[in-house]
Protein backbone atom coordinates (compact mmCIF):
# COMPACT_ATOMS: atom_id res chain seq x y z
CA MET A 1 0.00 0.00 0.00
CA ALA A 2 2.80 2.36 0.94
CA GLY A 3 4.52 1.54 -2.34
CA GLU A 4 1.38 2.35 -4.33
CA LEU A 5 1.03 5.70 -2.57
CA HIS A 6 4.70 6.45 -3.27
CA ASP A 7 4.21 5.63 -6.96
CA ALA A 8 1.09 7.80 -7.10
CA HIS A 9 2.93 10.74 -5.53
CA SER A 10 5.81 10.18 -7.96
CA VAL A 11 3.47 10.37 -10.95
CA VAL A 12 1.81 13.51 -9.60
CA ALA A 13 5.18 15.15 -9.03
CA THR A 14 6.26 14.26 -12.56
CA ILE A 15 3.22 15.69 -14.34
CA GLN A 16 2.58 18.66 -12.01
CA PRO A 17 4.88 21.09 -13.92
CA ALA A 18 3.08 20.30 -17.18
CA ILE A 19 -0.36 20.74 -15.61
CA THR A 20 0.69 24.05 -14.05
CA LEU A 21 2.07 25.37 -17.34
CA LEU A 22 -1.06 24.23 -19.16
CA GLY A 23 -3.29 26.25 -16.84
CA LEU A 24 -1.05 29.31 -16.94
CA GLY A 25 -0.78 29.00 -20.73
CA ILE A 26 -4.55 29.18 -21.09
CA GLY A 27 -4.54 32.43 -19.15
CA ALA A 28 -1.66 33.82 -21.22
CA ALA A 29 -3.46 32.98 -24.46
CA LEU A 30 -6.69 34.65 -23.30
CA ILE A 31 -4.88 37.79 -22.18
CA SER A 32 -2.97 37.96 -25.47
CA ARG A 33 -6.16 37.67 -27.49
CA ALA A 34 -7.79 40.37 -25.38
CA CYS A 35 -4.80 42.64 -26.10
CA ARG A 36 -4.93 41.70 -29.81
CA LEU A 37 -1.49 40.13 -29.62
CA ASN A 38 -0.37 36.83 -31.06
CA PRO A 39 -0.49 34.19 -28.30
CA ILE A 40 3.15 33.39 -29.05
CA VAL A 41 4.02 36.67 -27.37
CA GLY A 42 1.87 35.69 -24.37
CA TYR A 43 3.61 32.33 -24.02
CA LEU A 44 7.06 33.92 -24.24
CA GLY A 45 6.01 36.51 -21.67
CA LEU A 46 4.68 33.80 -19.36
CA GLY A 47 7.95 31.90 -19.50
CA LEU A 48 9.92 35.06 -18.88
CA GLY A 49 7.66 35.98 -15.97
CA ILE A 50 8.12 32.58 -14.34
CA ALA A 51 11.88 32.90 -14.77
CA ALA A 52 11.81 36.39 -13.28
CA LEU A 53 10.08 35.00 -10.18
CA GLY A 54 12.84 32.42 -9.81
CA TYR A 55 10.78 29.30 -10.61
CA ALA A 56 12.32 28.35 -13.97
CA ASP A 57 14.06 25.28 -12.56
CA ASP A 58 10.72 23.88 -11.38
CA PHE A 59 9.69 23.43 -15.01
CA SER A 60 12.89 21.95 -16.43
CA GLY A 61 11.85 18.29 -16.16
CA PRO A 62 11.66 15.71 -18.96
CA VAL A 63 7.87 15.87 -19.35
CA VAL A 64 7.82 19.58 -20.21
CA ALA A 65 10.85 19.14 -22.50
CA ALA A 66 9.19 16.24 -24.35
CA MET A 67 5.94 18.18 -24.81
CA ALA A 68 7.87 21.19 -26.10
CA GLU A 69 9.70 19.01 -28.64
CA ALA A 70 6.40 17.41 -29.68
CA GLY A 71 4.94 20.88 -30.28
CA VAL A 72 7.64 21.72 -32.81
CA MET A 73 7.15 18.35 -34.49
CA PHE A 74 3.41 18.95 -34.82
CA LEU A 75 4.05 22.44 -36.24
CA LEU A 76 6.29 20.96 -38.95
CA PHE A 77 3.81 18.14 -39.58
CA ASN A 78 1.05 20.71 -40.12
CA LEU A 79 3.22 22.64 -42.57
CA GLY A 80 3.87 19.41 -44.44
CA LEU A 81 0.12 18.86 -44.75
CA HIS A 82 -0.05 22.03 -46.88
CA PHE A 83 3.00 21.22 -48.96
CA SER A 84 1.69 19.03 -51.78
CA LEU A 85 3.72 18.51 -54.94
CA GLY A 86 0.85 19.99 -56.99
CA ARG A 87 1.01 23.21 -55.02
CA ILE A 88 4.74 23.49 -55.54
CA LYS A 89 4.28 23.07 -59.30
CA ALA A 90 1.48 25.66 -59.55
CA GLU A 91 3.42 28.39 -57.76
CA ALA A 92 6.96 27.34 -58.70
CA ALA A 93 8.00 30.75 -60.06
CA ASN A 94 7.01 32.64 -56.91
CA ILE A 95 8.11 29.92 -54.49
CA PHE A 96 11.55 29.16 -55.90
CA GLY A 97 12.19 32.43 -57.72
CA PHE A 98 10.86 35.19 -55.48
CA GLY A 99 11.23 33.05 -52.34
CA SER A 100 14.88 32.22 -52.89
CA LEU A 101 15.61 35.83 -53.83
CA GLN A 102 14.05 37.08 -50.58
CA MET A 103 16.02 34.58 -48.49
CA LEU A 104 19.25 35.39 -50.33
CA ILE A 105 18.89 39.13 -49.74
CA ALA A 106 17.34 39.11 -46.24
CA GLY A 107 19.11 36.05 -44.85
CA GLY A 108 22.35 36.91 -46.57
CA GLY A 109 22.13 40.48 -45.29
CA PHE A 110 21.73 39.39 -41.67
CA ALA A 111 24.46 36.75 -42.08
CA ALA A 112 26.88 39.39 -43.38
CA LEU A 113 25.95 41.69 -40.49
CA PHE A 114 26.50 38.96 -37.86
CA TRP A 115 29.86 38.09 -39.40
CA ALA A 116 30.87 41.75 -39.58
CA ILE A 117 30.26 42.29 -35.85
CA GLY A 118 32.50 39.34 -34.99
CA LEU A 119 30.10 36.45 -34.37
CA PRO A 120 31.32 32.92 -35.27
CA VAL A 121 30.88 32.12 -38.94
CA GLU A 122 28.68 29.09 -38.15
CA PHE A 123 26.26 31.25 -36.17
CA ALA A 124 26.48 34.04 -38.76
CA ILE A 125 25.26 31.63 -41.45
CA ILE A 126 22.64 29.69 -39.48
CA GLY A 127 21.52 32.62 -37.32
CA GLY A 128 21.61 35.12 -40.18
CA PHE A 129 19.41 33.05 -42.47
CA ALA A 130 17.16 32.25 -39.51
CA MET A 131 16.61 35.99 -39.15
CA GLY A 132 15.68 36.11 -42.84
CA LEU A 133 12.66 33.90 -42.08
CA SER A 134 9.26 35.48 -41.38
CA SER A 135 6.44 34.21 -39.19
CA THR A 136 4.13 31.85 -41.04
CA ALA A 137 1.72 31.92 -38.13
CA VAL A 138 1.39 35.69 -37.89
CA VAL A 139 1.54 36.59 -41.60
CA ILE A 140 -1.01 34.03 -42.81
CA GLY A 141 -3.34 35.20 -40.04
CA LEU A 142 -3.13 38.81 -41.27
CA VAL A 143 -3.53 37.81 -44.91
CA ARG A 144 -6.71 35.87 -44.17
CA GLU A 145 -8.06 38.57 -41.87
CA ARG A 146 -7.69 41.17 -44.62
CA ASP A 147 -9.07 39.01 -47.46
CA GLN A 148 -5.73 39.17 -49.25
CA GLU A 149 -5.35 35.45 -50.00
CA ASP A 150 -5.66 35.88 -53.76
CA CYS A 151 -4.42 39.42 -54.34
CA PRO A 152 -0.80 39.76 -55.58
CA VAL A 153 0.64 40.65 -52.17
CA GLY A 154 -1.21 37.79 -50.48
CA ARG A 155 -0.19 35.16 -53.02
CA ALA A 156 3.43 36.33 -53.10
CA SER A 157 3.69 36.33 -49.30
CA GLN A 158 2.32 32.78 -49.14
CA SER A 159 4.77 31.60 -51.81
CA ILE A 160 7.70 33.20 -50.01
CA LEU A 161 6.60 31.60 -46.75
CA ILE A 162 6.52 28.19 -48.45
CA PHE A 163 10.12 28.64 -49.59
CA GLN A 164 11.03 29.84 -46.12
CA ASP A 165 9.55 26.61 -44.75
CA ILE A 166 11.96 24.71 -47.01
CA ALA A 167 14.83 26.93 -45.87
CA ALA A 168 13.86 26.37 -42.23
CA ILE A 169 14.08 22.61 -42.76
CA LEU A 170 17.56 22.99 -44.28
CA LEU A 171 18.63 25.20 -41.38
CA LEU A 172 17.38 22.58 -38.93
CA VAL A 173 19.42 19.95 -40.80
CA ALA A 174 22.47 22.23 -40.64
CA ALA A 175 21.96 22.80 -36.92
CA GLY A 176 21.73 19.05 -36.39
CA ALA A 177 24.96 18.52 -38.30
CA LEU A 178 26.61 21.26 -36.27
CA GLY A 179 25.58 19.57 -33.02
CA SER A 180 27.36 16.32 -33.93
CA GLY A 181 30.77 18.02 -34.01
CA GLY A 182 33.50 18.03 -36.64
CA ALA A 183 33.59 19.90 -39.96
CA ILE A 184 30.16 21.17 -40.86
CA ALA A 185 30.45 21.00 -44.68
CA PRO A 186 30.82 17.21 -45.11
CA GLN A 187 28.30 16.55 -42.36
CA LEU A 188 25.85 18.91 -43.98
CA GLY A 189 26.39 17.11 -47.29
CA LEU A 190 25.77 13.73 -45.66
CA ALA A 191 22.71 15.11 -43.88
CA GLY A 192 21.48 16.45 -47.21
CA LEU A 193 21.79 13.02 -48.83
CA LYS A 194 19.92 11.45 -45.92
CA ALA A 195 17.24 14.13 -46.17
CA LEU A 196 16.91 13.48 -49.93
CA ALA A 197 16.51 9.77 -49.26
CA ALA A 198 13.89 10.53 -46.60
CA PHE A 199 12.05 12.74 -49.09
CA GLY A 200 12.01 9.88 -51.60
CA ILE A 201 10.64 7.49 -48.99
CA ALA A 202 7.94 10.02 -48.11
CA VAL A 203 6.91 10.29 -51.77
CA VAL A 204 6.68 6.50 -52.11
CA PHE A 205 4.75 6.28 -48.85
CA ALA A 206 2.35 8.99 -50.05
CA ARG A 207 1.74 7.33 -53.39
CA TYR A 208 1.34 3.71 -52.39
CA LEU A 209 0.55 3.43 -48.69
CA ILE A 210 -1.36 6.47 -47.41
CA GLY A 211 -4.48 5.86 -49.51
CA PRO A 212 -4.95 2.16 -48.62
CA LEU A 213 -4.11 2.82 -44.96
CA PHE A 214 -6.72 5.53 -44.49
CA LYS A 215 -9.26 3.68 -46.60
CA LEU A 216 -8.95 0.80 -44.15
CA ILE A 217 -9.28 3.18 -41.19
CA ALA A 218 -12.33 4.88 -42.76
CA ARG A 219 -14.08 1.54 -42.96
CA ALA A 220 -13.50 1.06 -39.24
CA GLY A 221 -15.54 4.22 -38.65
CA SER A 222 -13.71 5.15 -35.46
CA SER A 223 -12.57 8.73 -34.79
CA GLU A 224 -10.20 7.42 -32.11
CA VAL A 225 -8.35 5.39 -34.75
CA TYR A 226 -8.05 8.48 -36.96
CA THR A 227 -6.58 10.42 -34.06
CA ALA A 228 -4.17 7.64 -33.17
CA THR A 229 -3.07 7.26 -36.81
CA ALA A 230 -2.47 10.98 -37.25
CA LEU A 231 -0.38 11.08 -34.08
CA PHE A 232 1.47 7.92 -35.08
CA ILE A 233 2.47 9.30 -38.51
CA ALA A 234 3.68 12.61 -37.07
CA LEU A 235 5.66 11.08 -34.20
CA ALA A 236 6.89 7.95 -35.99
CA ALA A 237 8.16 9.94 -38.99
CA GLY A 238 10.08 12.21 -36.61
CA TRP A 239 11.46 9.22 -34.74
CA ALA A 240 12.62 7.62 -38.01
CA THR A 241 14.65 10.63 -39.12
CA GLY A 242 16.00 11.02 -35.58
CA VAL A 243 17.30 7.44 -35.71
CA ALA A 244 18.88 8.27 -39.11
CA GLY A 245 20.79 11.15 -37.51
CA LEU A 246 18.55 13.92 -38.86
CA SER A 247 16.24 16.24 -36.96
CA LEU A 248 12.95 14.98 -35.56
CA THR A 249 11.23 17.97 -37.13
CA LEU A 250 12.38 17.02 -40.65
CA GLY A 251 10.68 13.66 -40.30
CA ALA A 252 7.50 15.27 -39.00
CA PHE A 253 7.47 17.62 -41.99
CA LEU A 254 7.92 14.75 -44.45
CA GLY A 255 5.19 12.81 -42.65
CA GLY A 256 2.78 15.69 -43.19
CA MET A 257 3.84 16.04 -46.82
CA ALA A 258 3.12 12.35 -47.39
CA VAL A 259 -0.52 13.00 -46.41
CA ALA A 260 -0.83 16.35 -48.24
CA ASP A 261 -2.16 14.97 -51.54
CA SER A 262 -4.43 12.45 -49.86
CA ARG A 263 -8.21 12.79 -49.78
CA TYR A 264 -7.89 12.28 -46.03
CA ARG A 265 -5.70 15.35 -45.42
CA ILE A 266 -8.48 17.44 -43.92
CA MET A 267 -9.43 14.68 -41.51
CA VAL A 268 -5.81 14.24 -40.40
CA GLN A 269 -5.36 17.99 -40.01
CA THR A 270 -8.52 18.22 -37.92
CA GLU A 271 -7.27 15.50 -35.60
CA ILE A 272 -3.76 16.94 -35.25
CA ASP A 273 -4.66 20.62 -34.78
CA ALA A 274 -5.60 20.41 -31.10
CA PHE A 275 -2.41 18.55 -30.22
CA ARG A 276 -0.26 20.94 -32.24
CA GLY A 277 -1.61 24.02 -30.49
CA LEU A 278 -1.42 22.43 -27.06
CA PHE A 279 2.14 21.13 -27.31
CA LEU A 280 3.49 24.12 -29.22
CA SER A 281 2.48 26.40 -26.36
CA PHE A 282 4.89 24.40 -24.16
CA PHE A 283 7.71 25.12 -26.60
CA PHE A 284 7.24 28.88 -26.56
CA ILE A 285 6.84 28.91 -22.78
CA SER A 286 10.09 26.92 -22.55
CA VAL A 287 11.83 29.50 -24.73
CA GLY A 288 10.67 32.23 -22.35
CA LEU A 289 11.89 30.18 -19.37
CA ALA A 290 15.35 30.00 -20.95
CA ILE A 291 15.68 33.81 -21.14
CA ASP A 292 17.57 35.35 -18.27
CA PRO A 293 15.33 38.16 -16.95
CA ALA A 294 18.29 39.82 -15.24
CA ILE A 295 19.96 40.26 -18.63
CA ILE A 296 16.79 41.78 -20.07
CA ALA A 297 16.37 44.15 -17.12
CA GLU A 298 19.96 45.34 -17.41
CA ASN A 299 19.83 45.71 -21.20
CA TRP A 300 16.26 46.79 -21.93
CA ILE A 301 17.51 49.65 -24.11
CA LEU A 302 19.50 47.17 -26.19
CA VAL A 303 16.44 44.91 -26.45
CA ILE A 304 14.30 47.73 -27.84
CA ALA A 305 17.10 48.86 -30.14
CA ALA A 306 17.58 45.30 -31.38
CA ALA A 307 13.84 44.95 -32.07
CA VAL A 308 13.73 48.24 -33.99
CA GLY A 309 16.89 47.32 -35.89
CA LEU A 310 15.51 43.88 -36.76
CA ILE A 311 12.27 45.32 -38.13
CA VAL A 312 13.91 48.17 -40.06
CA LEU A 313 16.56 45.92 -41.62
CA LYS A 314 14.09 43.14 -42.39
CA CYS A 315 11.64 45.51 -44.07
CA GLY A 316 14.49 47.10 -46.03
CA PHE A 317 15.87 43.76 -47.20
CA ASN A 318 12.39 42.60 -48.22
CA VAL A 319 11.70 45.78 -50.19
CA LEU A 320 15.00 45.29 -52.04
CA ALA A 321 14.00 41.72 -52.83
CA GLY A 322 10.66 42.93 -54.22
CA LEU A 323 12.34 45.52 -56.42
CA ALA A 324 14.89 42.95 -57.59
CA ASN A 325 11.95 40.72 -58.55
CA ARG A 326 10.63 43.60 -60.70
CA TRP A 327 7.77 44.48 -58.40
CA SER A 328 6.54 48.06 -58.23
CA VAL A 329 7.75 50.29 -55.41
CA PRO A 330 4.32 50.30 -53.66
CA GLY A 331 3.98 46.53 -53.95
CA SER A 332 7.51 45.96 -52.68
CA ILE A 333 6.89 48.22 -49.71
CA GLN A 334 3.63 46.54 -48.73
CA LEU A 335 5.06 43.04 -49.07
CA GLY A 336 8.28 44.02 -47.32
CA PHE A 337 6.50 45.43 -44.29
CA LEU A 338 4.12 42.46 -44.13
CA LEU A 339 7.10 40.08 -43.85
CA GLY A 340 9.11 42.40 -41.63
CA GLN A 341 9.12 40.34 -38.40
CA GLY A 342 11.15 37.50 -36.95
CA SER A 343 10.01 33.90 -37.12
CA GLU A 344 8.92 31.19 -34.72
CA PHE A 345 11.43 28.98 -36.54
CA ALA A 346 14.23 31.32 -35.53
CA LEU A 347 13.19 30.70 -31.92
CA VAL A 348 13.30 26.96 -32.62
CA LEU A 349 16.81 27.22 -34.09
CA PHE A 350 18.16 29.46 -31.34
CA ALA A 351 16.88 26.98 -28.75
CA ILE A 352 19.08 24.19 -30.18
CA PRO A 353 22.08 23.80 -27.82
CA ALA A 354 24.60 23.53 -30.66
CA VAL A 355 23.46 26.90 -32.05
CA ALA A 356 22.91 28.64 -28.71
CA GLY A 357 26.37 27.61 -27.56
CA LEU A 358 28.05 29.59 -30.35
CA VAL A 359 27.22 33.00 -28.86
CA ASP A 360 27.06 34.68 -25.49
CA SER A 361 23.84 33.91 -23.59
CA GLU A 362 23.26 37.62 -23.01
CA ALA A 363 23.34 38.40 -26.74
CA LEU A 364 21.06 35.46 -27.49
CA SER A 365 18.53 36.54 -24.85
CA ILE A 366 18.46 40.03 -26.36
CA LEU A 367 17.97 38.58 -29.85
CA VAL A 368 15.13 36.25 -28.77
CA SER A 369 13.41 39.14 -26.97
CA ALA A 370 13.71 41.31 -30.08
CA ILE A 371 12.05 38.59 -32.17
CA ALA A 372 9.19 38.37 -29.67
CA ILE A 373 8.65 42.14 -29.87
CA SER A 374 8.68 42.04 -33.69
CA LEU A 375 5.94 39.39 -33.64
CA ALA A 376 3.83 41.54 -31.33
CA VAL A 377 4.02 44.68 -33.50
CA THR A 378 3.57 42.98 -36.89
CA PRO A 379 -0.03 44.28 -37.42
CA LEU A 380 1.15 47.85 -36.75
CA VAL A 381 4.19 47.57 -39.03
CA SER A 382 2.24 45.96 -41.86
CA ASN A 383 -0.46 48.65 -41.62
CA ILE A 384 2.21 51.32 -42.04
CA GLY A 385 3.46 49.59 -45.18
CA ARG A 386 -0.07 49.16 -46.50
CA LYS A 387 -0.96 52.84 -46.05
CA LEU A 388 2.32 53.98 -47.57
CA ALA A 389 1.76 51.70 -50.56
CA GLY A 390 -1.78 53.09 -50.95
CA LYS A 391 -0.53 56.67 -51.04
CA LEU A 392 2.14 55.83 -53.62
CA ARG A 393 -0.41 53.99 -55.78
CA ALA A 394 -2.94 56.83 -55.76
CA GLY A 395 -1.21 58.61 -58.65
CA PRO A 396 -2.15 61.97 -60.22
CA ALA A 397 -5.83 62.86 -60.55
CA ASP A 398 -5.70 63.22 -64.34
CA LYS A 399 -4.11 59.82 -64.91
CA LYS A 400 -6.01 57.52 -67.30
CA LEU A 401 -8.27 55.12 -65.41
CA GLU A 402 -6.75 51.72 -64.76
CA GLY A 403 -9.16 49.24 -66.28
CA ASP A 404 -10.39 51.82 -68.79
CA ASP A 405 -11.03 49.12 -71.40
CA ALA A 406 -12.11 46.43 -68.95
CA PRO A 407 -15.32 44.51 -69.71
CA VAL A 408 -16.41 44.28 -66.07
CA VAL A 409 -17.28 46.96 -63.49
CA ILE A 410 -17.45 45.94 -59.84
CA ILE A 411 -19.38 48.19 -57.46
CA GLY A 412 -18.08 47.52 -53.96
CA LEU A 413 -14.82 45.84 -53.00
CA GLY A 414 -15.83 43.93 -49.91
CA PRO A 415 -15.09 40.18 -49.71
CA VAL A 416 -17.44 39.31 -52.60
CA GLY A 417 -16.18 42.11 -54.84
CA ARG A 418 -12.60 41.14 -54.12
CA GLY A 419 -13.39 37.53 -54.95
CA VAL A 420 -14.71 38.57 -58.37
CA ALA A 421 -11.71 40.83 -58.97
CA ASP A 422 -9.25 38.10 -57.95
CA ALA A 423 -10.88 35.56 -60.25
CA LEU A 424 -10.87 37.99 -63.19
CA ALA A 425 -7.24 38.95 -62.60
CA TYR A 426 -6.20 35.29 -62.36
CA ASN A 427 -7.85 34.71 -65.76
CA ASP A 428 -6.29 37.84 -67.29
CA ILE A 429 -9.64 39.61 -67.69
CA GLY A 430 -9.74 43.34 -67.01
CA TYR A 431 -12.04 44.97 -64.50
CA LEU A 432 -12.63 48.38 -62.96
CA ALA A 433 -13.88 48.66 -59.39
CA VAL A 434 -15.74 51.49 -57.69
CA GLU A 435 -15.73 51.82 -53.91
CA PRO A 436 -17.42 54.77 -52.15
CA ASN A 437 -16.26 53.78 -48.65
CA VAL A 438 -13.01 55.61 -47.89
CA ALA A 439 -11.49 52.93 -45.65
CA ARG A 440 -12.25 50.06 -48.05
CA PHE A 441 -11.07 52.16 -51.00
CA GLU A 442 -7.70 52.88 -49.35
CA THR A 443 -7.06 49.28 -48.33
CA ALA A 444 -8.10 47.93 -51.73
CA LEU A 445 -5.88 50.48 -53.45
CA ALA A 446 -2.98 49.49 -51.20
CA ASP A 447 -3.56 45.83 -52.04
CA GLY A 448 -3.16 46.52 -55.76
CA TYR A 449 -6.77 46.43 -57.00
CA HIS A 450 -7.90 48.59 -59.95
CA VAL A 451 -10.25 50.65 -57.82
CA HIS A 452 -11.49 54.23 -57.86
CA GLN A 453 -13.37 56.14 -55.24
CA ALA A 454 -16.72 57.37 -56.49
CA ASN A 455 -20.36 57.46 -55.47
CA ALA A 456 -21.83 54.62 -57.51
CA GLY A 457 -25.33 55.96 -56.84
CA ASP A 458 -24.57 59.20 -58.70
CA PRO A 459 -25.25 58.71 -62.47
CA ARG A 460 -22.75 61.50 -63.26
CA SER A 461 -19.92 59.24 -62.08
CA TRP A 462 -21.08 56.56 -64.52
CA ASP A 463 -20.14 58.74 -67.48
CA ALA A 464 -16.64 59.25 -66.08
CA ILE A 465 -16.34 55.51 -65.51
CA GLY A 466 -17.61 54.73 -68.99
CA MET A 467 -20.21 52.37 -67.62
CA GLY A 468 -22.12 52.11 -70.91
CA LYS A 469 -19.28 50.36 -72.75
CA ARG A 470 -18.94 47.52 -70.25
CA GLU A 471 -20.27 44.00 -70.69
CA VAL A 472 -21.03 43.10 -67.07
CA VAL A 473 -21.71 45.12 -63.93
CA VAL A 474 -21.42 43.43 -60.55
CA VAL A 475 -23.12 45.02 -57.53
CA ALA A 476 -21.28 43.73 -54.45
CA THR A 477 -21.97 46.35 -51.81
CA ASN A 478 -23.23 43.77 -49.28
CA ASN A 479 -25.82 46.37 -48.29
CA LEU A 480 -29.45 45.71 -49.22
CA ASN A 481 -30.52 49.36 -48.98
CA VAL A 482 -27.68 50.56 -51.20
CA SER A 483 -28.44 47.80 -53.69
CA ARG A 484 -32.09 48.86 -53.80
CA GLU A 485 -31.02 52.42 -54.60
CA LEU A 486 -28.72 51.25 -57.38
CA ALA A 487 -31.01 48.70 -59.00
CA PRO A 488 -33.43 51.14 -60.70
CA LEU A 489 -30.52 53.17 -62.07
CA VAL A 490 -28.85 50.06 -63.43
CA GLU A 491 -32.10 48.86 -65.03
CA ASP A 492 -32.81 52.27 -66.57
CA ARG A 493 -29.35 53.18 -67.83
CA LEU A 494 -27.80 49.77 -68.53
CA PRO A 495 -30.60 47.65 -70.02
CA ASN A 496 -28.28 45.80 -72.42
CA ILE A 497 -25.58 44.94 -69.89
CA GLU A 498 -25.51 41.76 -67.84
CA ARG A 499 -26.17 42.67 -64.20
CA VAL A 500 -25.13 40.42 -61.32
CA ILE A 501 -25.90 41.37 -57.72
CA GLY A 502 -24.76 39.81 -54.45
CA LEU A 503 -27.28 40.09 -51.62
CA PRO A 504 -26.53 39.78 -47.88
CA GLY A 505 -29.32 37.24 -47.34
CA PRO A 506 -32.36 35.73 -49.08
CA GLU A 507 -34.39 38.94 -48.83
CA GLY A 508 -34.82 40.66 -52.18
CA LEU A 509 -34.04 37.70 -54.46
CA GLU A 510 -37.39 37.87 -56.28
CA GLU A 511 -37.44 41.67 -56.21
CA PHE A 512 -34.11 42.02 -58.01
CA ALA A 513 -34.85 39.18 -60.41
CA GLU A 514 -37.97 41.08 -61.55
CA LEU A 515 -35.71 44.05 -62.31
CA GLY A 516 -33.77 41.94 -64.79
CA MET A 517 -30.78 41.33 -62.54
CA MET A 518 -29.15 38.04 -61.54
CA PRO A 519 -29.35 37.99 -57.73
CA VAL A 520 -27.35 35.67 -55.48
CA ASP A 521 -27.55 35.17 -51.72
CA VAL A 522 -23.86 35.39 -50.84
CA THR A 523 -24.44 34.28 -47.25
CA ARG A 524 -25.31 30.73 -48.23
CA GLU A 525 -22.67 28.11 -48.96
CA GLY A 526 -21.11 28.61 -52.37
CA GLY A 527 -22.84 31.98 -52.84
CA PRO A 528 -19.73 34.12 -53.49
CA ASP A 529 -18.41 31.53 -55.94
CA GLN A 530 -21.77 31.51 -57.75
CA VAL A 531 -21.41 35.27 -58.32
CA VAL A 532 -18.04 34.66 -59.95
CA ASP A 533 -19.42 31.86 -62.13
CA MET A 534 -22.28 34.10 -63.29
CA VAL A 535 -19.79 36.79 -64.34
CA PHE A 536 -17.77 34.32 -66.41
CA ALA A 537 -20.94 32.89 -67.94
CA ALA A 538 -22.04 36.40 -68.91
CA LEU A 539 -18.65 37.00 -70.51
CA ASN A 540 -18.85 33.60 -72.23
CA ARG A 541 -15.42 32.81 -70.84
CA GLU A 542 -14.17 29.61 -69.24
CA ARG A 543 -12.94 30.11 -65.69
CA LYS A 544 -9.51 28.75 -64.78
CA LEU A 545 -9.20 27.96 -61.08
CA PRO A 546 -6.11 28.49 -58.91
CA ASN A 547 -4.40 25.41 -57.52
CA SER A 548 -6.55 23.97 -54.73
CA ASN A 549 -5.42 24.24 -51.13
CA PHE A 550 -3.01 27.04 -52.00
CA VAL A 551 -3.83 29.02 -48.86
CA ASN A 552 -2.00 27.74 -45.78
CA ASP A 553 -5.37 27.15 -44.10
CA GLU A 554 -4.55 26.80 -40.44
CA ALA A 555 -0.89 27.76 -40.16
CA GLU A 556 -1.72 30.89 -38.29
CA ARG A 557 -3.32 28.96 -35.43
CA VAL A 558 -0.34 27.77 -33.42
CA THR A 559 -2.22 28.16 -30.19
CA ALA A 560 -4.57 25.95 -28.24
């Protein structure tokens, strides 16, 4: 009996640190959301706060360490789930062209700076290129929040982030080779060959084994088996590459990639998401625990200066990359500021003992703190770039209208209007958009849409727009009252033009149909896409679709 009680107390003592961190992490995530900060910042702050109170050693046990490692593995597995070979092919020019250019300029710039200030060459290379990475979690969240997934800036940022994911894997391989001692070049070459072999195995596994395996599991009809299988693939793939002398995270990434083209990807992602967010919070808390608060307190000016320097340099490097890729100045500025933060992968790399041991702990703590600050201020920095790009794009008042010869006019650039514009642009069909709302006009202008501010309800503006020579007019104001004001004007002045209207609900469908318009309830499933299909049908044009699953659906949610 006494032995059983002792064992019970031993188990409680072992798991208590993890339970405590889990509860505190929930609070940190809630507070971060309330402050409109990324929860990563909250987790880092929680770890730093615990360390400042002198309790860091209480959370240094094997259970917390294992959960933190599992979090990184699940993050890489999730990225692999969105990394299908079809997606790579569809966006190859942006991914490998623009992406590699950005990493060469930004990563190379930081590497040269680290080497110039006297840091070891190994850290200059690994750490410098780690600083060239941007935050997948934060950036994809902003892109989705702003409906920029399919506009040029949104698509380019996603492509660059995909290449950065590849670069992060290579940096993890390099860090693993560095940790084994000896000359890094031959070890990196050997690690590269092993990684290539692992990639080949993952492709074979994806093509011949994933389908039959999940088909068998689907017949079992058990959600518990799905969950267990998803966990098994993520953890077993990491274990396999770890046994081969590579990083656990590389295996997890390849495991996710093996499932990416499967019809069961969404099911696997659904099962893995909760575990990824839960365990990843332990990693970021552990990073905060490793920061010496005394160093931060003594060098807070350096921390702020490092954060400002990181953001300014990163934005500058990114803008140069955009210009080198023949982007316009406004587009380069907006994209550069959007990607102007540090990365969660940099935190992963700097937490590896072999990398951390290359530099003074004080300098590393300052650098990690600067990255955390850059993540927190990303929305502010990207807004600055967006507004600046909008002002530069405005142009002189007497400039010829962009889209002057376009066959389609879009009234309103909310989500539905943007969807129509994105589809037309993807199919190389011209459009001209009108947006009376100042805020939506400025953001749409900044995002590169062919938009002009005008009161669409004033017939005098229609002459300036050249409405009569268009083939299709799309009313996408998402406001029933405004649509009712416009409908009679459209019917009276544009009787020979195809008229499509998106309605914010079922009300008014019959009313607008009687006016000769093609109404669609955009709130029902498939409604926005039906508007787009109607436009293409009216133009008698076949609609080409972007590669499916291009958007990194859930990468922004790295929290519980």
